[in-house]
N, C-alpha and C. Protein backbone atom coordinates (compact mmCIF):
# COMPACT_ATOMS: atom_id res chain seq x y z
N UNK A 1 1.95 37.75 15.84
CA UNK A 1 0.81 36.91 16.12
C UNK A 1 0.92 35.65 15.26
N UNK A 2 0.94 34.47 15.87
CA UNK A 2 1.08 33.24 15.09
C UNK A 2 -0.18 32.93 14.29
N UNK A 3 0.02 32.31 13.16
CA UNK A 3 -1.11 31.93 12.31
C UNK A 3 -1.90 30.82 12.99
N UNK A 4 -3.21 30.83 12.82
CA UNK A 4 -4.01 29.75 13.43
C UNK A 4 -3.66 28.42 12.77
N UNK A 5 -3.69 27.38 13.59
CA UNK A 5 -3.39 26.05 13.07
C UNK A 5 -4.54 25.55 12.21
N UNK A 6 -4.19 25.04 11.05
CA UNK A 6 -5.22 24.44 10.21
C UNK A 6 -5.45 23.01 10.69
N UNK A 7 -6.64 22.48 10.45
CA UNK A 7 -6.91 21.11 10.89
C UNK A 7 -5.95 20.14 10.20
N UNK A 8 -5.44 19.20 10.96
CA UNK A 8 -4.50 18.23 10.40
C UNK A 8 -5.27 17.17 9.64
N UNK A 9 -4.79 16.90 8.44
CA UNK A 9 -5.42 15.87 7.61
C UNK A 9 -4.85 14.52 7.99
N UNK A 10 -5.71 13.55 8.07
CA UNK A 10 -5.26 12.20 8.38
C UNK A 10 -4.89 11.50 7.08
N UNK A 11 -3.61 11.25 6.90
CA UNK A 11 -3.16 10.61 5.67
C UNK A 11 -2.83 9.14 5.87
N UNK A 12 -2.89 8.66 7.12
CA UNK A 12 -2.51 7.26 7.34
C UNK A 12 -3.41 6.28 6.61
N UNK A 13 -4.71 6.53 6.42
CA UNK A 13 -5.50 5.53 5.68
C UNK A 13 -4.98 5.33 4.25
N UNK A 14 -4.52 6.43 3.64
CA UNK A 14 -4.00 6.33 2.28
C UNK A 14 -2.69 5.55 2.25
N UNK A 15 -1.85 5.78 3.24
CA UNK A 15 -0.56 5.07 3.31
C UNK A 15 -0.78 3.58 3.54
N UNK A 16 -1.68 3.23 4.45
CA UNK A 16 -1.96 1.82 4.73
C UNK A 16 -2.55 1.16 3.48
N UNK A 17 -3.47 1.83 2.83
CA UNK A 17 -4.07 1.27 1.61
C UNK A 17 -3.02 1.06 0.53
N UNK A 18 -2.12 2.02 0.37
CA UNK A 18 -1.08 1.89 -0.65
C UNK A 18 -0.18 0.71 -0.36
N UNK A 19 0.20 0.51 0.89
CA UNK A 19 1.06 -0.62 1.25
C UNK A 19 0.34 -1.94 1.00
N UNK A 20 -0.93 -2.01 1.34
CA UNK A 20 -1.69 -3.25 1.13
C UNK A 20 -1.88 -3.56 -0.35
N UNK A 21 -2.16 -2.54 -1.14
CA UNK A 21 -2.31 -2.75 -2.59
C UNK A 21 -0.98 -3.19 -3.19
N UNK A 22 0.11 -2.58 -2.74
CA UNK A 22 1.44 -2.98 -3.22
C UNK A 22 1.71 -4.44 -2.89
N UNK A 23 1.39 -4.85 -1.66
CA UNK A 23 1.61 -6.24 -1.26
C UNK A 23 0.79 -7.20 -2.14
N UNK A 24 -0.44 -6.83 -2.43
CA UNK A 24 -1.27 -7.67 -3.31
C UNK A 24 -0.67 -7.75 -4.71
N UNK A 25 -0.21 -6.61 -5.22
CA UNK A 25 0.38 -6.59 -6.56
C UNK A 25 1.68 -7.38 -6.63
N UNK A 26 2.37 -7.52 -5.49
CA UNK A 26 3.62 -8.28 -5.45
C UNK A 26 3.37 -9.78 -5.29
N UNK A 27 2.12 -10.17 -5.22
CA UNK A 27 1.79 -11.60 -5.17
C UNK A 27 1.64 -12.19 -3.78
N UNK A 28 1.52 -11.34 -2.76
CA UNK A 28 1.31 -11.86 -1.42
C UNK A 28 -0.03 -12.57 -1.36
N UNK A 29 -0.12 -13.59 -0.53
CA UNK A 29 -1.39 -14.29 -0.37
C UNK A 29 -2.36 -13.41 0.43
N UNK A 30 -3.63 -13.71 0.28
CA UNK A 30 -4.65 -12.93 0.99
C UNK A 30 -4.45 -13.01 2.51
N UNK A 31 -4.08 -14.18 2.99
CA UNK A 31 -3.87 -14.35 4.43
C UNK A 31 -2.72 -13.47 4.92
N UNK A 32 -1.65 -13.38 4.14
CA UNK A 32 -0.52 -12.54 4.53
C UNK A 32 -0.88 -11.07 4.50
N UNK A 33 -1.68 -10.66 3.53
CA UNK A 33 -2.10 -9.26 3.44
C UNK A 33 -3.00 -8.90 4.62
N UNK A 34 -3.84 -9.83 5.02
CA UNK A 34 -4.71 -9.59 6.19
C UNK A 34 -3.86 -9.42 7.44
N UNK A 35 -2.84 -10.27 7.60
CA UNK A 35 -1.94 -10.13 8.75
C UNK A 35 -1.21 -8.79 8.72
N UNK A 36 -0.74 -8.42 7.54
CA UNK A 36 -0.06 -7.13 7.38
C UNK A 36 -0.99 -5.98 7.75
N UNK A 37 -2.23 -6.05 7.29
CA UNK A 37 -3.20 -5.00 7.60
C UNK A 37 -3.42 -4.87 9.10
N UNK A 38 -3.52 -6.01 9.77
CA UNK A 38 -3.73 -5.98 11.22
C UNK A 38 -2.54 -5.33 11.93
N UNK A 39 -1.33 -5.70 11.52
CA UNK A 39 -0.13 -5.13 12.13
C UNK A 39 -0.06 -3.63 11.88
N UNK A 40 -0.35 -3.21 10.64
CA UNK A 40 -0.30 -1.78 10.33
C UNK A 40 -1.32 -0.99 11.14
N UNK A 41 -2.52 -1.53 11.30
CA UNK A 41 -3.53 -0.82 12.08
C UNK A 41 -3.15 -0.72 13.55
N UNK A 42 -2.53 -1.76 14.09
CA UNK A 42 -2.06 -1.69 15.48
C UNK A 42 -0.97 -0.63 15.61
N UNK A 43 -0.05 -0.60 14.65
CA UNK A 43 1.01 0.42 14.69
C UNK A 43 0.42 1.83 14.60
N UNK A 44 -0.55 2.02 13.74
CA UNK A 44 -1.18 3.34 13.61
C UNK A 44 -1.86 3.71 14.93
N UNK A 45 -2.54 2.76 15.54
CA UNK A 45 -3.21 3.04 16.82
C UNK A 45 -2.20 3.43 17.89
N UNK A 46 -1.06 2.75 17.92
CA UNK A 46 -0.04 3.09 18.91
C UNK A 46 0.54 4.48 18.66
N UNK A 47 0.78 4.80 17.41
CA UNK A 47 1.34 6.13 17.08
C UNK A 47 0.33 7.22 17.42
N UNK A 48 -0.92 7.00 17.09
CA UNK A 48 -1.96 8.00 17.39
C UNK A 48 -2.08 8.19 18.89
N UNK A 49 -2.07 7.08 19.62
CA UNK A 49 -2.17 7.16 21.08
C UNK A 49 -0.98 7.87 21.67
N UNK A 50 0.22 7.58 21.18
CA UNK A 50 1.42 8.23 21.69
C UNK A 50 1.43 9.71 21.33
N UNK A 51 0.92 10.04 20.16
CA UNK A 51 0.89 11.43 19.72
C UNK A 51 -0.07 12.27 20.52
N UNK A 52 -1.10 11.64 21.06
CA UNK A 52 -2.07 12.41 21.85
C UNK A 52 -1.64 12.50 23.31
N UNK A 53 -0.48 11.95 23.64
CA UNK A 53 -0.01 12.01 25.01
C UNK A 53 -0.77 11.11 25.95
N UNK A 54 -1.47 10.12 25.37
CA UNK A 54 -2.23 9.20 26.21
C UNK A 54 -3.56 9.77 26.66
N UNK A 55 -3.91 10.99 26.20
CA UNK A 55 -5.18 11.59 26.58
C UNK A 55 -6.31 11.00 25.76
N UNK A 56 -7.49 10.91 26.37
CA UNK A 56 -8.64 10.39 25.63
C UNK A 56 -9.76 11.38 25.64
């Protein structure tokens, strides 16, 4: 009998935050960090959508 699946934890917010903080610490301008944040959120949305098989 297989073990029941535990709820999956969403770790992407932590990863996105870490990348953005790193970019700020490396001296990126605020405008560049905002662009980076937008791109990362779009990528996350695409991955989440693809992972769900396109179901809503």
